[in-house]
């Protein structure tokens, strides 16, 4: 639950790549649930890409173009995971400040 002046960092960006935030105290609301689902997909994609990267790096016959594409995909996934971590870290910190 967020305080009135606290906002949740959403797992997507708005126009011009700017961060999007949600201001609500309803964790079960539509946008909150949508954000939770998007975060789950992003984390799952990152895990799949990590597995692919491990396999590709172990393959001595991997083509440079394939490795480059994988690198681009990993970069995007890492950005998503960092945004999820920042959002969840903020939510955890906000929850801890209420447990005094």
C-alpha atoms as a PDB file:
ATOM      1  CA  UNK A   1       0.000   0.000   0.000  1.00  0.00           C
ATOM      2  CA  UNK A   2       1.354   3.405  -0.882  1.00  0.00           C
ATOM      3  CA  UNK A   3       1.036   6.512   1.184  1.00  0.00           C
ATOM      4  CA  UNK A   4      -0.858   9.416  -0.414  1.00  0.00           C
ATOM      5  CA  UNK A   5       2.366  11.041  -1.641  1.00  0.00           C
ATOM      6  CA  UNK A   6       4.140   7.792  -2.617  1.00  0.00           C
ATOM      7  CA  UNK A   7       4.025   6.482  -6.136  1.00  0.00           C
ATOM      8  CA  UNK A   8       4.774   3.100  -7.665  1.00  0.00           C
ATOM      9  CA  UNK A   9       7.267   2.997 -10.512  1.00  0.00           C
ATOM     10  CA  UNK A  10       5.518   1.102 -13.293  1.00  0.00           C
ATOM     11  CA  UNK A  11       7.333  -1.500 -15.426  1.00  0.00           C
ATOM     12  CA  UNK A  12       6.953   0.489 -18.633  1.00  0.00           C
ATOM     13  CA  UNK A  13       7.901   3.924 -19.862  1.00  0.00           C
ATOM     14  CA  UNK A  14       5.805   6.713 -21.232  1.00  0.00           C
ATOM     15  CA  UNK A  15       6.387   9.063 -24.137  1.00  0.00           C
ATOM     16  CA  UNK A  16      10.029   9.863 -24.790  1.00  0.00           C
ATOM     17  CA  UNK A  17      11.105   7.002 -22.514  1.00  0.00           C
ATOM     18  CA  UNK A  18      10.120   8.822 -19.345  1.00  0.00           C
ATOM     19  CA  UNK A  19       9.185   6.708 -16.289  1.00  0.00           C
ATOM     20  CA  UNK A  20       5.519   6.127 -15.455  1.00  0.00           C
ATOM     21  CA  UNK A  21       4.202   6.141 -11.908  1.00  0.00           C
ATOM     22  CA  UNK A  22       0.980   5.026 -10.264  1.00  0.00           C
ATOM     23  CA  UNK A  23      -0.514   6.817  -7.291  1.00  0.00           C
ATOM     24  CA  UNK A  24      -3.004   4.583  -5.496  1.00  0.00           C
ATOM     25  CA  UNK A  25      -3.556   2.811  -2.223  1.00  0.00           C
ATOM     26  CA  UNK A  26      -5.398  -0.040  -3.994  1.00  0.00           C
ATOM     27  CA  UNK A  27      -2.868  -2.820  -4.636  1.00  0.00           C
ATOM     28  CA  UNK A  28      -5.643  -4.908  -6.174  1.00  0.00           C
ATOM     29  CA  UNK A  29      -6.631  -2.261  -8.699  1.00  0.00           C
ATOM     30  CA  UNK A  30      -6.526  -2.886 -12.430  1.00  0.00           C
ATOM     31  CA  UNK A  31      -3.298  -0.961 -13.127  1.00  0.00           C
ATOM     32  CA  UNK A  32      -1.547  -2.485 -10.092  1.00  0.00           C
ATOM     33  CA  UNK A  33      -2.464  -6.001 -11.243  1.00  0.00           C
ATOM     34  CA  UNK A  34      -1.446  -5.182 -14.808  1.00  0.00           C
ATOM     35  CA  UNK A  35       1.916  -3.899 -13.576  1.00  0.00           C
ATOM     36  CA  UNK A  36       2.411  -7.062 -11.492  1.00  0.00           C
ATOM     37  CA  UNK A  37       1.689  -9.216 -14.558  1.00  0.00           C
ATOM     38  CA  UNK A  38       4.009  -7.190 -16.808  1.00  0.00           C
ATOM     39  CA  UNK A  39       6.776  -7.460 -14.199  1.00  0.00           C
ATOM     40  CA  UNK A  40       6.308 -11.248 -14.065  1.00  0.00           C
ATOM     41  CA  UNK A  41       6.589 -11.484 -17.850  1.00  0.00           C
ATOM     42  CA  UNK A  42       9.677  -9.249 -17.877  1.00  0.00           C
ATOM     43  CA  UNK A  43      11.396 -11.344 -15.195  1.00  0.00           C
ATOM     44  CA  UNK A  44      10.497 -14.565 -17.030  1.00  0.00           C
ATOM     45  CA  UNK A  45      11.881 -13.202 -20.288  1.00  0.00           C
ATOM     46  CA  UNK A  46      15.110 -12.198 -18.555  1.00  0.00           C
ATOM     47  CA  UNK A  47      15.489 -15.713 -17.124  1.00  0.00           C
ATOM     48  CA  UNK A  48      14.978 -17.259 -20.577  1.00  0.00           C
ATOM     49  CA  UNK A  49      17.500 -14.890 -22.149  1.00  0.00           C
ATOM     50  CA  UNK A  50      20.035 -15.689 -19.443  1.00  0.00           C
ATOM     51  CA  UNK A  51      19.706 -19.382 -20.225  1.00  0.00           C
ATOM     52  CA  UNK A  52      20.091 -18.670 -23.955  1.00  0.00           C
ATOM     53  CA  UNK A  53      23.161 -16.542 -23.258  1.00  0.00           C
ATOM     54  CA  UNK A  54      24.793 -19.314 -21.244  1.00  0.00           C
ATOM     55  CA  UNK A  55      24.202 -21.777 -24.066  1.00  0.00           C
ATOM     56  CA  UNK A  56      25.346 -19.359 -26.779  1.00  0.00           C
ATOM     57  CA  UNK A  57      28.531 -18.384 -24.968  1.00  0.00           C
ATOM     58  CA  UNK A  58      29.396 -22.058 -24.528  1.00  0.00           C
ATOM     59  CA  UNK A  59      28.876 -22.657 -28.274  1.00  0.00           C
ATOM     60  CA  UNK A  60      32.161 -22.064 -30.065  1.00  0.00           C
ATOM     61  CA  UNK A  61      30.300 -22.011 -33.392  1.00  0.00           C
ATOM     62  CA  UNK A  62      27.937 -19.196 -32.385  1.00  0.00           C
ATOM     63  CA  UNK A  63      27.810 -16.537 -35.069  1.00  0.00           C
ATOM     64  CA  UNK A  64      28.719 -12.943 -34.150  1.00  0.00           C
ATOM     65  CA  UNK A  65      25.384 -11.613 -35.454  1.00  0.00           C
ATOM     66  CA  UNK A  66      23.509 -14.057 -33.204  1.00  0.00           C
ATOM     67  CA  UNK A  67      25.585 -12.985 -30.199  1.00  0.00           C
ATOM     68  CA  UNK A  68      24.993  -9.336 -31.040  1.00  0.00           C
ATOM     69  CA  UNK A  69      21.215  -9.843 -31.218  1.00  0.00           C
ATOM     70  CA  UNK A  70      21.346 -11.712 -27.937  1.00  0.00           C
ATOM     71  CA  UNK A  71      23.351  -8.858 -26.408  1.00  0.00           C
ATOM     72  CA  UNK A  72      20.698  -6.357 -27.489  1.00  0.00           C
ATOM     73  CA  UNK A  73      17.934  -8.535 -26.050  1.00  0.00           C
ATOM     74  CA  UNK A  74      19.859  -8.956 -22.787  1.00  0.00           C
ATOM     75  CA  UNK A  75      20.372  -5.196 -22.541  1.00  0.00           C
ATOM     76  CA  UNK A  76      16.631  -4.593 -22.856  1.00  0.00           C
ATOM     77  CA  UNK A  77      15.858  -7.315 -20.333  1.00  0.00           C
ATOM     78  CA  UNK A  78      18.394  -5.915 -17.872  1.00  0.00           C
ATOM     79  CA  UNK A  79      16.779  -2.470 -18.114  1.00  0.00           C
ATOM     80  CA  UNK A  80      13.399  -4.059 -17.367  1.00  0.00           C
ATOM     81  CA  UNK A  81      14.752  -6.069 -14.428  1.00  0.00           C
ATOM     82  CA  UNK A  82      16.448  -3.000 -12.954  1.00  0.00           C
ATOM     83  CA  UNK A  83      13.169  -1.058 -13.194  1.00  0.00           C
ATOM     84  CA  UNK A  84      11.333  -3.913 -11.457  1.00  0.00           C
ATOM     85  CA  UNK A  85      14.009  -4.041  -8.752  1.00  0.00           C
ATOM     86  CA  UNK A  86      13.818  -0.281  -8.216  1.00  0.00           C
ATOM     87  CA  UNK A  87      10.031  -0.404  -7.993  1.00  0.00           C
ATOM     88  CA  UNK A  88       9.966  -3.357  -5.622  1.00  0.00           C
ATOM     89  CA  UNK A  89      12.795  -1.918  -3.548  1.00  0.00           C
ATOM     90  CA  UNK A  90      10.814   1.280  -3.126  1.00  0.00           C
ATOM     91  CA  UNK A  91       7.708  -0.689  -2.156  1.00  0.00           C
ATOM     92  CA  UNK A  92       9.709  -2.714   0.379  1.00  0.00           C
ATOM     93  CA  UNK A  93      11.250   0.424   1.874  1.00  0.00           C
ATOM     94  CA  UNK A  94       7.836   2.059   2.109  1.00  0.00           C
ATOM     95  CA  UNK A  95       6.449  -1.038   3.837  1.00  0.00           C
ATOM     96  CA  UNK A  96       9.324  -1.123   6.335  1.00  0.00           C
ATOM     97  CA  UNK A  97       8.786   2.505   7.328  1.00  0.00           C
ATOM     98  CA  UNK A  98       5.189   1.619   8.315  1.00  0.00           C
ATOM     99  CA  UNK A  99       6.243  -1.274  10.578  1.00  0.00           C
ATOM    100  CA  UNK A 100       7.724   0.874  13.340  1.00  0.00           C
END
